[in-house]
Amino acid sequence: MKKYKDMRFTIIIGTMAALLFILTNYTMVVSKDFTRGAIGYVICVLAVSLLIFSYNVTFDDSYLVTYEWKVIMLIPVLVEYKDIRSFEVVSKHRIKVGYLNRTTNLYVFNAAKANADYQMLKAAFDDKKNKNKKKRKK
């Protein structure tokens, strides 16, 4: 279960939805073009629903979700906990995650809680791995 709320994606989508709503209102008042206004409102509702979905999304415990820029898009990347090499709290809202041969910044609302949850999941993952090793030895 994803135990943190991603801050960067929430702020980006929220800002874009607010700007789109303001632009749609301006278009309807100034140009009196109601078809563009209706289309703008539909897109605004879709953006707000995406915002609510992305804020409340949950994943399996074996993945950490980060967002990376690829060309011009912000794409979610699922990182397995077994691939994480380093997990460092940089500030109140920022965590630096090193995995495979890459590092990325994870922006969350509460970095200390996210770190505590990661340590708990890592301990559970290590226990599971140790149990599997003991079973193989027998």
N, C-alpha and C. Protein backbone atom coordinates (compact mmCIF):
# COMPACT_ATOMS: atom_id res chain seq x y z
N MET A 1 0.85 -1.17 0.00
CA MET A 1 0.00 0.00 0.00
C MET A 1 0.90 1.24 0.00
N LYS A 2 0.61 2.17 -0.87
CA LYS A 2 1.37 3.41 -0.92
C LYS A 2 1.03 4.22 0.32
N LYS A 3 2.01 4.44 1.18
CA LYS A 3 1.74 5.04 2.47
C LYS A 3 2.12 6.51 2.52
N TYR A 4 2.41 7.14 1.40
CA TYR A 4 2.73 8.55 1.37
C TYR A 4 1.88 9.22 0.30
N LYS A 5 1.72 10.52 0.43
CA LYS A 5 0.98 11.30 -0.56
C LYS A 5 1.99 12.09 -1.37
N ASP A 6 1.99 11.91 -2.68
CA ASP A 6 2.95 12.57 -3.53
C ASP A 6 2.59 14.04 -3.68
N MET A 7 3.54 14.92 -3.42
CA MET A 7 3.27 16.34 -3.40
C MET A 7 3.41 16.98 -4.77
N ARG A 8 4.42 16.60 -5.54
CA ARG A 8 4.72 17.27 -6.80
C ARG A 8 3.58 17.12 -7.79
N PHE A 9 3.11 15.90 -8.00
CA PHE A 9 2.05 15.66 -8.98
C PHE A 9 0.75 16.33 -8.55
N THR A 10 0.45 16.33 -7.26
CA THR A 10 -0.76 16.97 -6.75
C THR A 10 -0.73 18.47 -7.02
N ILE A 11 0.39 19.11 -6.78
CA ILE A 11 0.50 20.55 -7.00
C ILE A 11 0.43 20.89 -8.48
N ILE A 12 1.10 20.12 -9.33
CA ILE A 12 1.09 20.40 -10.77
C ILE A 12 -0.32 20.28 -11.34
N ILE A 13 -1.01 19.20 -11.06
CA ILE A 13 -2.36 19.00 -11.60
C ILE A 13 -3.33 20.02 -11.01
N GLY A 14 -3.21 20.33 -9.72
CA GLY A 14 -4.08 21.32 -9.09
C GLY A 14 -3.92 22.69 -9.71
N THR A 15 -2.67 23.10 -9.95
CA THR A 15 -2.41 24.39 -10.59
C THR A 15 -2.95 24.42 -12.01
N MET A 16 -2.73 23.35 -12.76
CA MET A 16 -3.23 23.31 -14.14
C MET A 16 -4.76 23.34 -14.18
N ALA A 17 -5.42 22.65 -13.27
CA ALA A 17 -6.88 22.66 -13.24
C ALA A 17 -7.41 24.05 -12.90
N ALA A 18 -6.78 24.74 -11.95
CA ALA A 18 -7.21 26.10 -11.59
C ALA A 18 -7.01 27.06 -12.76
N LEU A 19 -5.85 26.98 -13.42
CA LEU A 19 -5.61 27.86 -14.57
C LEU A 19 -6.58 27.58 -15.71
N LEU A 20 -6.87 26.32 -15.95
CA LEU A 20 -7.82 25.97 -17.01
C LEU A 20 -9.22 26.49 -16.68
N PHE A 21 -9.61 26.41 -15.42
CA PHE A 21 -10.92 26.92 -15.01
C PHE A 21 -11.00 28.44 -15.22
N ILE A 22 -9.95 29.16 -14.84
CA ILE A 22 -9.92 30.62 -15.03
C ILE A 22 -9.93 30.97 -16.51
N LEU A 23 -9.15 30.26 -17.31
CA LEU A 23 -9.11 30.51 -18.75
C LEU A 23 -10.46 30.21 -19.41
N THR A 24 -11.12 29.17 -18.97
CA THR A 24 -12.44 28.83 -19.51
C THR A 24 -13.46 29.91 -19.18
N ASN A 25 -13.45 30.40 -17.95
CA ASN A 25 -14.36 31.49 -17.58
C ASN A 25 -14.07 32.74 -18.40
N TYR A 26 -12.81 33.08 -18.59
CA TYR A 26 -12.43 34.24 -19.38
C TYR A 26 -12.90 34.09 -20.83
N THR A 27 -12.73 32.91 -21.40
CA THR A 27 -13.16 32.66 -22.78
C THR A 27 -14.66 32.82 -22.91
N MET A 28 -15.40 32.32 -21.96
CA MET A 28 -16.87 32.42 -22.06
C MET A 28 -17.35 33.86 -21.88
N VAL A 29 -16.70 34.64 -21.02
CA VAL A 29 -17.14 36.01 -20.78
C VAL A 29 -16.74 36.93 -21.93
N VAL A 30 -15.50 36.84 -22.38
CA VAL A 30 -15.00 37.77 -23.40
C VAL A 30 -15.49 37.42 -24.79
N SER A 31 -15.31 36.19 -25.22
CA SER A 31 -15.65 35.85 -26.60
C SER A 31 -17.05 35.28 -26.76
N LYS A 32 -17.71 34.99 -25.65
CA LYS A 32 -19.07 34.42 -25.67
C LYS A 32 -19.15 33.17 -26.54
N ASP A 33 -18.08 32.39 -26.50
CA ASP A 33 -18.03 31.13 -27.24
C ASP A 33 -18.34 30.01 -26.25
N PHE A 34 -19.60 29.58 -26.23
CA PHE A 34 -20.04 28.62 -25.22
C PHE A 34 -19.59 27.19 -25.52
N THR A 35 -19.32 26.86 -26.77
CA THR A 35 -18.85 25.50 -27.06
C THR A 35 -17.44 25.29 -26.50
N ARG A 36 -16.57 26.27 -26.69
CA ARG A 36 -15.23 26.16 -26.11
C ARG A 36 -15.30 26.15 -24.59
N GLY A 37 -16.22 26.93 -24.04
CA GLY A 37 -16.39 26.95 -22.59
C GLY A 37 -16.84 25.62 -22.05
N ALA A 38 -17.78 24.98 -22.74
CA ALA A 38 -18.26 23.67 -22.31
C ALA A 38 -17.14 22.64 -22.39
N ILE A 39 -16.37 22.68 -23.46
CA ILE A 39 -15.24 21.75 -23.61
C ILE A 39 -14.21 22.00 -22.50
N GLY A 40 -13.95 23.26 -22.21
CA GLY A 40 -13.02 23.60 -21.14
C GLY A 40 -13.47 23.10 -19.79
N TYR A 41 -14.78 23.21 -19.51
CA TYR A 41 -15.30 22.72 -18.24
C TYR A 41 -15.21 21.19 -18.14
N VAL A 42 -15.44 20.51 -19.24
CA VAL A 42 -15.31 19.04 -19.24
C VAL A 42 -13.86 18.64 -18.96
N ILE A 43 -12.93 19.31 -19.62
CA ILE A 43 -11.51 19.01 -19.39
C ILE A 43 -11.12 19.35 -17.95
N CYS A 44 -11.68 20.43 -17.42
CA CYS A 44 -11.39 20.82 -16.04
C CYS A 44 -11.91 19.76 -15.05
N VAL A 45 -13.09 19.23 -15.31
CA VAL A 45 -13.63 18.17 -14.45
C VAL A 45 -12.76 16.91 -14.54
N LEU A 46 -12.28 16.59 -15.74
CA LEU A 46 -11.38 15.44 -15.90
C LEU A 46 -10.07 15.67 -15.14
N ALA A 47 -9.54 16.88 -15.19
CA ALA A 47 -8.29 17.18 -14.47
C ALA A 47 -8.48 17.06 -12.96
N VAL A 48 -9.61 17.54 -12.46
CA VAL A 48 -9.87 17.43 -11.01
C VAL A 48 -10.06 15.97 -10.61
N SER A 49 -10.74 15.18 -11.45
CA SER A 49 -10.90 13.76 -11.13
C SER A 49 -9.55 13.04 -11.16
N LEU A 50 -8.66 13.42 -12.10
CA LEU A 50 -7.30 12.86 -12.13
C LEU A 50 -6.54 13.25 -10.87
N LEU A 51 -6.73 14.48 -10.42
CA LEU A 51 -6.09 14.94 -9.20
C LEU A 51 -6.54 14.12 -7.99
N ILE A 52 -7.83 13.91 -7.87
CA ILE A 52 -8.36 13.13 -6.74
C ILE A 52 -7.88 11.68 -6.83
N PHE A 53 -7.88 11.11 -8.03
CA PHE A 53 -7.42 9.73 -8.21
C PHE A 53 -5.95 9.59 -7.87
N SER A 54 -5.12 10.50 -8.38
CA SER A 54 -3.68 10.37 -8.15
C SER A 54 -3.32 10.61 -6.68
N TYR A 55 -4.11 11.41 -5.98
CA TYR A 55 -3.82 11.67 -4.57
C TYR A 55 -4.19 10.46 -3.70
N ASN A 56 -5.22 9.72 -4.11
CA ASN A 56 -5.70 8.60 -3.30
C ASN A 56 -5.29 7.23 -3.84
N VAL A 57 -4.44 7.18 -4.84
CA VAL A 57 -4.06 5.90 -5.45
C VAL A 57 -3.23 5.07 -4.46
N THR A 58 -3.41 3.75 -4.51
CA THR A 58 -2.63 2.84 -3.67
C THR A 58 -2.01 1.76 -4.55
N PHE A 59 -0.86 1.30 -4.14
CA PHE A 59 -0.15 0.27 -4.89
C PHE A 59 0.24 -0.86 -3.95
N ASP A 60 0.75 -1.90 -4.52
CA ASP A 60 1.25 -3.04 -3.76
C ASP A 60 2.45 -2.59 -2.92
N ASP A 61 2.70 -3.28 -1.82
CA ASP A 61 3.80 -2.92 -0.92
C ASP A 61 5.18 -3.13 -1.54
N SER A 62 5.28 -3.85 -2.62
CA SER A 62 6.60 -4.14 -3.18
C SER A 62 7.08 -3.06 -4.15
N TYR A 63 6.33 -1.97 -4.33
CA TYR A 63 6.71 -0.91 -5.26
C TYR A 63 6.72 0.45 -4.60
N LEU A 64 7.65 1.28 -5.02
CA LEU A 64 7.68 2.69 -4.65
C LEU A 64 7.39 3.47 -5.94
N VAL A 65 6.50 4.43 -5.88
CA VAL A 65 6.11 5.18 -7.07
C VAL A 65 6.83 6.52 -7.07
N THR A 66 7.60 6.77 -8.12
CA THR A 66 8.25 8.07 -8.32
C THR A 66 7.80 8.61 -9.66
N TYR A 67 8.01 9.89 -9.87
CA TYR A 67 7.66 10.53 -11.14
C TYR A 67 8.93 11.10 -11.74
N GLU A 68 9.16 10.81 -13.03
CA GLU A 68 10.35 11.30 -13.71
C GLU A 68 9.95 11.97 -15.01
N TRP A 69 10.73 13.00 -15.38
CA TRP A 69 10.49 13.67 -16.65
C TRP A 69 11.09 12.84 -17.77
N LYS A 70 10.27 12.51 -18.74
CA LYS A 70 10.72 11.83 -19.96
C LYS A 70 10.33 12.73 -21.12
N VAL A 71 11.30 13.33 -21.76
CA VAL A 71 11.13 14.28 -22.86
C VAL A 71 10.26 15.45 -22.37
N ILE A 72 8.94 15.41 -22.56
CA ILE A 72 8.09 16.52 -22.12
C ILE A 72 6.99 16.06 -21.17
N MET A 73 7.06 14.84 -20.69
CA MET A 73 5.99 14.30 -19.85
C MET A 73 6.51 13.89 -18.48
N LEU A 74 5.67 14.02 -17.49
CA LEU A 74 5.95 13.53 -16.15
C LEU A 74 5.32 12.15 -16.03
N ILE A 75 6.16 11.11 -16.04
CA ILE A 75 5.68 9.73 -16.11
C ILE A 75 5.93 9.03 -14.77
N PRO A 76 4.92 8.31 -14.25
CA PRO A 76 5.16 7.56 -13.01
C PRO A 76 6.06 6.35 -13.28
N VAL A 77 6.96 6.09 -12.35
CA VAL A 77 7.88 4.96 -12.45
C VAL A 77 7.71 4.11 -11.20
N LEU A 78 7.47 2.82 -11.38
CA LEU A 78 7.36 1.90 -10.26
C LEU A 78 8.73 1.29 -9.98
N VAL A 79 9.22 1.50 -8.77
CA VAL A 79 10.53 0.98 -8.37
C VAL A 79 10.29 -0.08 -7.31
N GLU A 80 10.83 -1.26 -7.53
CA GLU A 80 10.70 -2.32 -6.53
C GLU A 80 11.62 -2.03 -5.35
N TYR A 81 11.15 -2.33 -4.16
CA TYR A 81 11.94 -2.06 -2.96
C TYR A 81 13.26 -2.83 -2.97
N LYS A 82 13.28 -3.98 -3.60
CA LYS A 82 14.53 -4.75 -3.62
C LYS A 82 15.60 -4.07 -4.47
N ASP A 83 15.19 -3.16 -5.38
CA ASP A 83 16.15 -2.46 -6.24
C ASP A 83 16.67 -1.17 -5.61
N ILE A 84 16.09 -0.73 -4.50
CA ILE A 84 16.50 0.53 -3.88
C ILE A 84 17.84 0.35 -3.18
N ARG A 85 18.80 1.21 -3.53
CA ARG A 85 20.13 1.15 -2.93
C ARG A 85 20.28 2.15 -1.79
N SER A 86 19.65 3.32 -1.90
CA SER A 86 19.73 4.32 -0.83
C SER A 86 18.40 5.06 -0.70
N PHE A 87 18.11 5.49 0.51
CA PHE A 87 16.86 6.19 0.81
C PHE A 87 17.21 7.24 1.86
N GLU A 88 17.36 8.50 1.44
CA GLU A 88 17.89 9.54 2.31
C GLU A 88 16.91 10.70 2.40
N VAL A 89 16.56 11.09 3.62
CA VAL A 89 15.70 12.26 3.84
C VAL A 89 16.57 13.50 3.71
N VAL A 90 16.23 14.37 2.75
CA VAL A 90 16.99 15.58 2.51
C VAL A 90 16.39 16.77 3.25
N SER A 91 15.08 16.90 3.19
CA SER A 91 14.39 17.99 3.89
C SER A 91 13.03 17.50 4.36
N LYS A 92 12.20 18.42 4.80
CA LYS A 92 10.89 18.05 5.34
C LYS A 92 10.00 17.41 4.28
N HIS A 93 10.18 17.80 3.02
CA HIS A 93 9.32 17.31 1.95
C HIS A 93 10.06 16.53 0.87
N ARG A 94 11.37 16.37 0.98
CA ARG A 94 12.14 15.76 -0.11
C ARG A 94 12.95 14.57 0.38
N ILE A 95 12.89 13.51 -0.42
CA ILE A 95 13.65 12.29 -0.15
C ILE A 95 14.44 11.96 -1.41
N LYS A 96 15.71 11.63 -1.24
CA LYS A 96 16.54 11.22 -2.38
C LYS A 96 16.59 9.70 -2.39
N VAL A 97 16.14 9.10 -3.49
CA VAL A 97 16.07 7.65 -3.62
C VAL A 97 17.06 7.21 -4.69
N GLY A 98 17.94 6.29 -4.33
CA GLY A 98 18.87 5.71 -5.29
C GLY A 98 18.45 4.29 -5.59
N TYR A 99 18.28 3.98 -6.86
CA TYR A 99 17.88 2.63 -7.26
C TYR A 99 18.58 2.27 -8.55
N LEU A 100 18.94 0.99 -8.65
CA LEU A 100 19.71 0.47 -9.78
C LEU A 100 20.89 1.41 -10.02
N ASN A 101 20.95 2.11 -11.15
CA ASN A 101 22.06 3.03 -11.39
C ASN A 101 21.57 4.47 -11.52
N ARG A 102 20.44 4.79 -10.88
CA ARG A 102 19.85 6.12 -10.99
C ARG A 102 19.54 6.67 -9.61
N THR A 103 19.38 7.98 -9.54
CA THR A 103 18.87 8.63 -8.34
C THR A 103 17.75 9.56 -8.74
N THR A 104 16.75 9.66 -7.91
CA THR A 104 15.63 10.55 -8.16
C THR A 104 15.18 11.17 -6.85
N ASN A 105 14.52 12.30 -6.96
CA ASN A 105 13.98 12.97 -5.79
C ASN A 105 12.51 12.65 -5.68
N LEU A 106 12.10 12.31 -4.49
CA LEU A 106 10.71 12.00 -4.20
C LEU A 106 10.19 13.11 -3.30
N TYR A 107 9.18 13.84 -3.76
CA TYR A 107 8.61 14.95 -2.99
C TYR A 107 7.32 14.47 -2.35
N VAL A 108 7.28 14.50 -1.03
CA VAL A 108 6.12 14.02 -0.28
C VAL A 108 5.71 15.09 0.74
N PHE A 109 4.51 14.94 1.29
CA PHE A 109 4.04 15.91 2.28
C PHE A 109 4.71 15.72 3.63
N ASN A 110 5.12 14.49 3.98
CA ASN A 110 5.75 14.22 5.26
C ASN A 110 6.88 13.22 5.05
N ALA A 111 8.10 13.73 4.90
CA ALA A 111 9.24 12.88 4.58
C ALA A 111 9.61 11.96 5.74
N ALA A 112 9.45 12.42 6.97
CA ALA A 112 9.80 11.59 8.12
C ALA A 112 8.89 10.36 8.20
N LYS A 113 7.60 10.56 7.96
CA LYS A 113 6.65 9.43 7.99
C LYS A 113 6.94 8.47 6.83
N ALA A 114 7.24 9.02 5.65
CA ALA A 114 7.56 8.17 4.51
C ALA A 114 8.82 7.35 4.78
N ASN A 115 9.81 7.95 5.43
CA ASN A 115 11.03 7.23 5.77
C ASN A 115 10.75 6.13 6.79
N ALA A 116 9.93 6.42 7.80
CA ALA A 116 9.59 5.40 8.80
C ALA A 116 8.83 4.24 8.15
N ASP A 117 7.91 4.56 7.25
CA ASP A 117 7.17 3.50 6.55
C ASP A 117 8.10 2.68 5.66
N TYR A 118 9.06 3.35 5.01
CA TYR A 118 10.02 2.63 4.17
C TYR A 118 10.86 1.68 5.02
N GLN A 119 11.33 2.16 6.17
CA GLN A 119 12.15 1.31 7.04
C GLN A 119 11.36 0.09 7.52
N MET A 120 10.06 0.30 7.82
CA MET A 120 9.21 -0.81 8.25
C MET A 120 9.04 -1.82 7.12
N LEU A 121 8.78 -1.33 5.90
CA LEU A 121 8.62 -2.23 4.76
C LEU A 121 9.93 -2.94 4.43
N LYS A 122 11.05 -2.23 4.56
CA LYS A 122 12.35 -2.84 4.29
C LYS A 122 12.64 -3.96 5.29
N ALA A 123 12.31 -3.72 6.56
CA ALA A 123 12.52 -4.76 7.57
C ALA A 123 11.65 -5.98 7.28
N ALA A 124 10.41 -5.76 6.89
CA ALA A 124 9.52 -6.88 6.55
C ALA A 124 10.04 -7.62 5.32
N PHE A 125 10.53 -6.88 4.33
CA PHE A 125 11.08 -7.50 3.12
C PHE A 125 12.33 -8.31 3.44
N ASP A 126 13.20 -7.77 4.30
CA ASP A 126 14.41 -8.50 4.69
C ASP A 126 14.08 -9.77 5.47
N ASP A 127 13.08 -9.69 6.36
CA ASP A 127 12.65 -10.88 7.11
C ASP A 127 12.13 -11.96 6.16
N LYS A 128 11.35 -11.53 5.18
CA LYS A 128 10.81 -12.49 4.21
C LYS A 128 11.93 -13.13 3.41
N LYS A 129 12.93 -12.32 3.03
CA LYS A 129 14.06 -12.84 2.26
C LYS A 129 14.88 -13.82 3.10
N ASN A 130 15.07 -13.51 4.38
CA ASN A 130 15.82 -14.41 5.26
C ASN A 130 15.09 -15.73 5.47
N LYS A 131 13.77 -15.68 5.59
CA LYS A 131 12.98 -16.91 5.74
C LYS A 131 13.11 -17.78 4.50
N ASN A 132 13.10 -17.15 3.33
CA ASN A 132 13.24 -17.91 2.08
C ASN A 132 14.62 -18.56 2.00
N LYS A 133 15.67 -17.87 2.47
CA LYS A 133 17.01 -18.45 2.46
C LYS A 133 17.10 -19.64 3.40
N LYS A 134 16.45 -19.54 4.56
CA LYS A 134 16.47 -20.65 5.52
C LYS A 134 15.73 -21.86 4.97
N LYS A 135 14.64 -21.62 4.25
CA LYS A 135 13.90 -22.73 3.64
C LYS A 135 14.73 -23.43 2.58
N ARG A 136 15.50 -22.67 1.82
CA ARG A 136 16.34 -23.27 0.78
C ARG A 136 17.47 -24.11 1.37
N LYS A 137 18.00 -23.69 2.51
CA LYS A 137 19.08 -24.43 3.15
C LYS A 137 18.61 -25.78 3.66
N LYS A 138 17.36 -25.87 4.08
CA LYS A 138 16.82 -27.12 4.61
C LYS A 138 16.59 -28.05 3.49
